[in-house]
Amino acid sequence: MIHCFLADLRYTQIHIDNNVFKKKILFVAVYVDNIFICRSDKNKILDFKIKLNDHFKMTNCRACKHYLKMLITQNRTL
């Protein structure tokens, strides 16, 4: 279902992992019921989250610190 939604928004799956989508420089990783959105422009992330909320029931969690047992470090000074 989410794969079709992302395809409709013209996101493409990367060939290494078909659960990771990209459009320009916004990346979306989908794993079961978790979505990880990555981009340096916070406004673009917020716009994308609004589109997701229009189609899916979602909860917005705080900044990601771990994802699939990987430690995530964010540099917000860039």
C-alpha atoms as a PDB file:
ATOM      1  CA  MET A   1       0.000   0.000   0.000  1.00  0.00           C
ATOM      2  CA  ILE A   2       2.690   2.519   0.932  1.00  0.00           C
ATOM      3  CA  HIS A   3       4.790   1.347  -2.015  1.00  0.00           C
ATOM      4  CA  CYS A   4       1.962   2.351  -4.390  1.00  0.00           C
ATOM      5  CA  PHE A   5       1.523   5.670  -2.608  1.00  0.00           C
ATOM      6  CA  LEU A   6       5.221   6.484  -2.984  1.00  0.00           C
ATOM      7  CA  ALA A   7       5.187   5.417  -6.627  1.00  0.00           C
ATOM      8  CA  ASP A   8       2.222   7.757  -7.238  1.00  0.00           C
ATOM      9  CA  LEU A   9       4.337  10.590  -5.784  1.00  0.00           C
ATOM     10  CA  ARG A  10       7.097   9.588  -8.245  1.00  0.00           C
ATOM     11  CA  TYR A  11       9.455   8.123  -5.654  1.00  0.00           C
ATOM     12  CA  THR A  12      11.639   5.374  -7.067  1.00  0.00           C
ATOM     13  CA  GLN A  13      12.981   2.316  -5.297  1.00  0.00           C
ATOM     14  CA  ILE A  14      16.737   2.065  -5.094  1.00  0.00           C
ATOM     15  CA  HIS A  15      18.001  -1.145  -6.662  1.00  0.00           C
ATOM     16  CA  ILE A  16      20.068  -2.261  -3.652  1.00  0.00           C
ATOM     17  CA  ASP A  17      17.082  -2.308  -1.259  1.00  0.00           C
ATOM     18  CA  ASN A  18      13.524  -2.131  -2.594  1.00  0.00           C
ATOM     19  CA  ASN A  19      12.289  -0.843   0.785  1.00  0.00           C
ATOM     20  CA  VAL A  20      14.196   2.410   0.310  1.00  0.00           C
ATOM     21  CA  PHE A  21      12.723   5.069  -1.963  1.00  0.00           C
ATOM     22  CA  LYS A  22      14.150   8.325  -3.216  1.00  0.00           C
ATOM     23  CA  LYS A  23      13.026  11.443  -4.981  1.00  0.00           C
ATOM     24  CA  LYS A  24      15.774  13.925  -5.700  1.00  0.00           C
ATOM     25  CA  ILE A  25      17.531  14.070  -2.302  1.00  0.00           C
ATOM     26  CA  LEU A  26      14.722  12.900  -0.003  1.00  0.00           C
ATOM     27  CA  PHE A  27      15.058   9.279   1.073  1.00  0.00           C
ATOM     28  CA  VAL A  28      12.313   7.159   2.630  1.00  0.00           C
ATOM     29  CA  ALA A  29      13.084   3.798   4.235  1.00  0.00           C
ATOM     30  CA  VAL A  30      10.100   1.547   4.981  1.00  0.00           C
ATOM     31  CA  TYR A  31      10.412  -1.376   7.380  1.00  0.00           C
ATOM     32  CA  VAL A  32       7.194  -3.109   8.477  1.00  0.00           C
ATOM     33  CA  ASP A  33       5.335  -0.235  10.198  1.00  0.00           C
ATOM     34  CA  ASN A  34       8.271   2.157  10.549  1.00  0.00           C
ATOM     35  CA  ILE A  35       9.164   4.927   8.136  1.00  0.00           C
ATOM     36  CA  PHE A  36      12.483   6.730   8.269  1.00  0.00           C
ATOM     37  CA  ILE A  37      12.683  10.000   6.307  1.00  0.00           C
ATOM     38  CA  CYS A  38      16.032  11.572   5.550  1.00  0.00           C
ATOM     39  CA  ARG A  39      16.737  14.984   4.056  1.00  0.00           C
ATOM     40  CA  SER A  40      18.642  18.072   5.148  1.00  0.00           C
ATOM     41  CA  ASP A  41      15.679  20.421   4.477  1.00  0.00           C
ATOM     42  CA  LYS A  42      13.283  20.142   7.417  1.00  0.00           C
ATOM     43  CA  ASN A  43      10.475  21.898   5.504  1.00  0.00           C
ATOM     44  CA  LYS A  44      10.587  19.256   2.754  1.00  0.00           C
ATOM     45  CA  ILE A  45      10.315  16.539   5.401  1.00  0.00           C
ATOM     46  CA  LEU A  46       7.319  18.291   6.969  1.00  0.00           C
ATOM     47  CA  ASP A  47       5.614  18.610   3.559  1.00  0.00           C
ATOM     48  CA  PHE A  48       6.144  14.910   2.925  1.00  0.00           C
ATOM     49  CA  LYS A  49       4.797  13.982   6.379  1.00  0.00           C
ATOM     50  CA  ILE A  50       1.627  16.009   5.686  1.00  0.00           C
ATOM     51  CA  LYS A  51       1.081  14.000   2.503  1.00  0.00           C
ATOM     52  CA  LEU A  52       1.581  10.764   4.424  1.00  0.00           C
ATOM     53  CA  ASN A  53      -0.855  11.875   7.133  1.00  0.00           C
ATOM     54  CA  ASP A  54      -3.494  12.579   4.482  1.00  0.00           C
ATOM     55  CA  HIS A  55      -3.436   8.912   3.432  1.00  0.00           C
ATOM     56  CA  PHE A  56      -2.315   6.893   6.459  1.00  0.00           C
ATOM     57  CA  LYS A  57      -2.887   6.840  10.195  1.00  0.00           C
ATOM     58  CA  MET A  58       0.444   7.861  11.675  1.00  0.00           C
ATOM     59  CA  THR A  59       2.098   8.869  14.879  1.00  0.00           C
ATOM     60  CA  ASN A  60       5.024  11.235  14.813  1.00  0.00           C
ATOM     61  CA  CYS A  61       7.870  10.136  17.017  1.00  0.00           C
ATOM     62  CA  ARG A  62      10.788  12.200  18.195  1.00  0.00           C
ATOM     63  CA  ALA A  63      14.101  12.357  16.384  1.00  0.00           C
ATOM     64  CA  CYS A  64      15.450   8.955  15.478  1.00  0.00           C
ATOM     65  CA  LYS A  65      18.340   7.680  17.591  1.00  0.00           C
ATOM     66  CA  HIS A  66      18.278   4.014  16.554  1.00  0.00           C
ATOM     67  CA  TYR A  67      16.902   2.343  13.429  1.00  0.00           C
ATOM     68  CA  LEU A  68      17.143  -1.398  12.811  1.00  0.00           C
ATOM     69  CA  LYS A  69      19.794  -1.640  15.540  1.00  0.00           C
ATOM     70  CA  MET A  70      21.891   1.103  13.918  1.00  0.00           C
ATOM     71  CA  LEU A  71      22.911   4.199  15.860  1.00  0.00           C
ATOM     72  CA  ILE A  72      21.776   7.390  14.103  1.00  0.00           C
ATOM     73  CA  THR A  73      23.759  10.574  14.604  1.00  0.00           C
ATOM     74  CA  GLN A  74      22.279  13.830  13.361  1.00  0.00           C
ATOM     75  CA  ASN A  75      24.308  16.927  12.608  1.00  0.00           C
ATOM     76  CA  ARG A  76      21.888  19.843  12.721  1.00  0.00           C
ATOM     77  CA  THR A  77      24.595  22.468  12.263  1.00  0.00           C
ATOM     78  CA  LEU A  78      24.884  21.956   8.500  1.00  0.00           C
END
